[in-house]
Amino acid sequence: MFTGIIEATGKLEKIVKEGTNVHFTFSCPFTNELKIDQSMAHNGCCLTVVEISEDKYVVTAINETLEKTNLGLLEVGSLVNLERCMVMNGRLDGHIVQGHVDKTGEVVSIENIDGSYFLTFSFQEDGAFTTVPQGSITVNGISLTVAESKENQFSVALIPYTWEHTNMKNLKVGSKVNLEFDIIGKYIAKLLKK
């Protein structure tokens, strides 16, 4: 379980393919605090730490993960948003994030509005996922508030801190992002389909 509050960005140091699996080696500011078997969100996708060596650690993504997320598009040098799983004796600063990416979306527009940023994303709608104004959405692991919601599209507004301390500043129109829709909204959508 995560909150969508990004701790740091990690840098992709190495990619090793093994069958349909991909082993990613990352470096990050808190590698020395990690443990083998620990869950950590990478652009919002929960992956397990399988190896630690000095200031680097390894996680493995299986084919299903690579098909549903933007992790398969990463290149050496790419930055990902990182969040360790939440500690149950602390505040829930973002919203309930499972680390289970629902689908990818695409950046439609990025506007700099005198220091803050307004980003619009599109996604393929299939009736199972929806957004609502002032509802929660997770984009590349970041807990955000939906500013505008349309069919197959939503927008968010970012404060300068979020822009500077996440990989959002590296996005361009057409970039793929990982989306995790609000868990409560997903349950409601499923119930309404019945």
Protein backbone atom coordinates (compact mmCIF):
# COMPACT_ATOMS: atom_id res chain seq x y z
CA MET A 1 0.00 0.00 0.00
CA PHE A 2 1.26 3.45 -0.96
CA THR A 3 0.14 7.06 -0.64
CA GLY A 4 1.31 8.57 -3.94
CA ILE A 5 3.71 10.95 -2.19
CA ILE A 6 7.01 10.59 -4.06
CA GLU A 7 10.14 10.25 -1.92
CA ALA A 8 12.75 10.66 -4.65
CA THR A 9 13.53 9.89 -8.24
CA GLY A 10 15.66 6.90 -9.11
CA LYS A 11 18.01 6.63 -12.07
CA LEU A 12 17.95 3.54 -14.28
CA GLU A 13 21.53 2.25 -14.41
CA LYS A 14 21.17 -1.07 -16.24
CA ILE A 15 18.63 -3.24 -18.08
CA VAL A 16 19.02 -7.03 -18.34
CA LYS A 17 16.49 -9.14 -20.26
CA GLU A 18 15.95 -12.75 -19.23
CA GLY A 19 13.25 -14.51 -21.23
CA THR A 20 10.16 -12.30 -20.96
CA ASN A 21 11.38 -10.75 -17.69
CA VAL A 22 13.40 -7.57 -17.38
CA HIS A 23 15.75 -6.87 -14.47
CA PHE A 24 16.15 -3.14 -13.83
CA THR A 25 19.08 -1.81 -11.80
CA PHE A 26 18.42 1.58 -10.19
CA SER A 27 20.31 3.99 -7.98
CA CYS A 28 18.52 6.26 -5.54
CA PRO A 29 19.27 8.41 -2.46
CA PHE A 30 17.99 5.78 0.01
CA THR A 31 19.38 2.53 -1.46
CA ASN A 32 21.28 1.93 1.81
CA GLU A 33 17.91 1.78 3.66
CA LEU A 34 16.36 -0.87 1.38
CA LYS A 35 15.94 -4.56 2.15
CA ILE A 36 15.58 -7.61 -0.08
CA ASP A 37 11.86 -8.51 -0.59
CA GLN A 38 10.78 -4.91 0.06
CA SER A 39 7.97 -3.50 -2.07
CA MET A 40 8.61 -0.18 -3.76
CA ALA A 41 6.59 1.77 -6.33
CA HIS A 42 8.42 2.74 -9.55
CA ASN A 43 6.34 5.25 -11.51
CA GLY A 44 3.46 3.90 -9.43
CA CYS A 45 4.11 0.23 -10.21
CA CYS A 46 4.84 -1.97 -7.21
CA LEU A 47 8.01 -4.00 -7.71
CA THR A 48 10.02 -6.16 -5.29
CA VAL A 49 13.66 -5.43 -4.47
CA VAL A 50 15.50 -8.66 -5.36
CA GLU A 51 19.14 -7.58 -5.03
CA ILE A 52 21.15 -4.78 -3.41
CA SER A 53 24.77 -3.98 -4.21
CA GLU A 54 26.45 -0.88 -2.79
CA ASP A 55 24.39 2.13 -3.98
CA LYS A 56 22.27 0.18 -6.49
CA TYR A 57 19.35 -2.23 -6.28
CA VAL A 58 17.57 -4.56 -8.71
CA VAL A 59 13.86 -5.14 -9.35
CA THR A 60 12.29 -7.52 -11.86
CA ALA A 61 9.31 -6.79 -14.10
CA ILE A 62 7.41 -9.68 -15.65
CA ASN A 63 5.82 -9.51 -19.09
CA GLU A 64 2.34 -8.59 -17.77
CA THR A 65 3.84 -5.63 -15.90
CA LEU A 66 5.74 -4.49 -18.98
CA GLU A 67 2.57 -4.68 -21.11
CA LYS A 68 0.43 -2.67 -18.67
CA THR A 69 2.94 0.03 -17.69
CA ASN A 70 5.46 2.42 -19.18
CA LEU A 71 8.38 0.54 -17.58
CA GLY A 72 9.16 -1.30 -20.82
CA LEU A 73 9.84 2.08 -22.47
CA LEU A 74 12.56 3.03 -19.98
CA GLU A 75 16.13 3.49 -21.16
CA VAL A 76 19.37 3.64 -19.19
CA GLY A 77 19.47 7.12 -17.64
CA SER A 78 15.66 7.40 -17.32
CA LEU A 79 14.32 8.80 -14.06
CA VAL A 80 11.42 7.10 -12.26
CA ASN A 81 9.35 8.31 -9.33
CA LEU A 82 9.99 6.23 -6.20
CA GLU A 83 7.93 5.56 -3.11
CA ARG A 84 8.50 2.93 -0.46
CA CYS A 85 5.41 1.23 0.96
CA MET A 86 3.65 3.18 3.67
CA VAL A 87 4.22 2.71 7.37
CA MET A 88 0.90 2.11 9.11
CA ASN A 89 1.71 4.40 12.05
CA GLY A 90 1.98 7.56 9.95
CA ARG A 91 -0.21 10.07 8.17
CA LEU A 92 -1.78 9.23 4.83
CA ASP A 93 -0.72 12.39 2.99
CA GLY A 94 -1.89 11.40 -0.50
CA HIS A 95 -4.64 8.86 -1.10
CA ILE A 96 -4.87 5.06 -1.00
CA VAL A 97 -2.62 3.80 -3.80
CA GLN A 98 -2.17 0.08 -4.37
CA GLY A 99 0.80 0.21 -6.72
CA HIS A 100 -1.22 -1.75 -9.28
CA VAL A 101 -1.15 0.21 -12.53
CA ASP A 102 -4.48 0.01 -14.37
CA LYS A 103 -3.30 1.21 -17.76
CA THR A 104 -1.12 3.76 -19.47
CA GLY A 105 -2.21 7.18 -20.59
CA GLU A 106 -0.69 9.72 -22.94
CA VAL A 107 0.24 13.36 -22.39
CA VAL A 108 -2.03 15.56 -24.53
CA SER A 109 -0.79 18.98 -23.40
CA ILE A 110 1.49 20.67 -20.88
CA GLU A 111 0.89 24.30 -19.97
CA ASN A 112 3.14 26.45 -17.80
CA ILE A 113 0.77 28.80 -16.02
CA ASP A 114 3.13 31.37 -14.48
CA GLY A 115 5.06 28.81 -12.44
CA SER A 116 2.46 26.09 -11.95
CA TYR A 117 1.71 23.42 -14.54
CA PHE A 118 -1.53 22.18 -16.07
CA LEU A 119 -1.26 18.77 -17.73
CA THR A 120 -3.90 16.95 -19.74
CA PHE A 121 -3.82 13.18 -20.29
CA SER A 122 -5.86 10.85 -22.49
CA PHE A 123 -6.58 7.17 -21.90
CA GLN A 124 -8.56 4.43 -23.59
CA GLU A 125 -11.89 4.15 -21.81
CA ASP A 126 -13.50 0.76 -21.42
CA GLY A 127 -16.13 1.57 -18.80
CA ALA A 128 -14.07 0.26 -15.88
CA PHE A 129 -12.15 3.46 -15.16
CA THR A 130 -13.32 6.99 -14.68
CA THR A 131 -12.23 10.30 -13.21
CA VAL A 132 -14.23 13.02 -11.52
CA PRO A 133 -13.31 16.64 -10.80
CA GLN A 134 -11.55 16.93 -7.42
CA GLY A 135 -11.21 13.14 -7.32
CA SER A 136 -7.92 11.30 -6.94
CA ILE A 137 -5.74 9.87 -9.70
CA THR A 138 -2.23 8.45 -9.62
CA VAL A 139 0.04 9.44 -12.51
CA ASN A 140 3.49 7.81 -12.57
CA GLY A 141 2.95 7.04 -8.90
CA ILE A 142 2.06 10.61 -7.89
CA SER A 143 -1.16 11.21 -5.97
CA LEU A 144 -2.90 14.05 -7.80
CA THR A 145 -6.26 15.79 -7.79
CA VAL A 146 -8.26 15.80 -11.00
CA ALA A 147 -8.87 19.40 -12.09
CA GLU A 148 -10.97 18.64 -15.19
CA SER A 149 -12.59 15.41 -16.28
CA LYS A 150 -13.90 14.55 -19.73
CA GLU A 151 -14.59 11.30 -21.54
CA ASN A 152 -11.24 9.53 -22.11
CA GLN A 153 -9.35 12.53 -20.74
CA PHE A 154 -8.50 14.37 -17.53
CA SER A 155 -6.31 17.25 -16.40
CA VAL A 156 -4.29 17.93 -13.27
CA ALA A 157 -2.59 21.05 -11.91
CA LEU A 158 0.88 20.72 -10.40
CA ILE A 159 2.58 22.96 -7.90
CA PRO A 160 6.21 23.86 -8.68
CA TYR A 161 7.49 21.50 -5.93
CA THR A 162 5.86 18.44 -7.57
CA TRP A 163 7.15 19.52 -10.98
CA GLU A 164 10.74 19.89 -9.74
CA HIS A 165 10.94 16.83 -7.47
CA THR A 166 9.39 14.18 -9.76
CA ASN A 167 9.90 13.01 -13.33
CA MET A 168 6.91 15.10 -14.52
CA LYS A 169 9.34 17.80 -15.71
CA ASN A 170 10.71 15.28 -18.25
CA LEU A 171 7.32 14.59 -19.89
CA LYS A 172 6.52 15.77 -23.39
CA VAL A 173 3.34 15.66 -25.46
CA GLY A 174 2.94 12.00 -26.46
CA SER A 175 4.81 10.60 -23.43
CA LYS A 176 3.28 7.47 -21.89
CA VAL A 177 2.44 7.57 -18.18
CA ASN A 178 1.24 4.94 -15.72
CA LEU A 179 -2.29 5.47 -14.39
CA GLU A 180 -3.88 4.01 -11.28
CA PHE A 181 -7.47 5.10 -10.90
CA ASP A 182 -9.07 5.65 -7.50
CA ILE A 183 -9.91 2.30 -5.87
CA ILE A 184 -13.31 3.49 -4.65
CA GLY A 185 -14.22 4.73 -8.12
CA LYS A 186 -13.22 1.37 -9.62
CA TYR A 187 -15.49 -0.52 -7.22
CA ILE A 188 -18.41 1.83 -7.93
CA ALA A 189 -17.89 1.48 -11.71
CA LYS A 190 -17.92 -2.31 -11.38
CA LEU A 191 -21.08 -2.30 -9.27
CA LEU A 192 -22.87 -0.02 -11.74
CA LYS A 193 -21.99 -2.37 -14.61
CA LYS A 194 -23.83 -5.18 -12.79
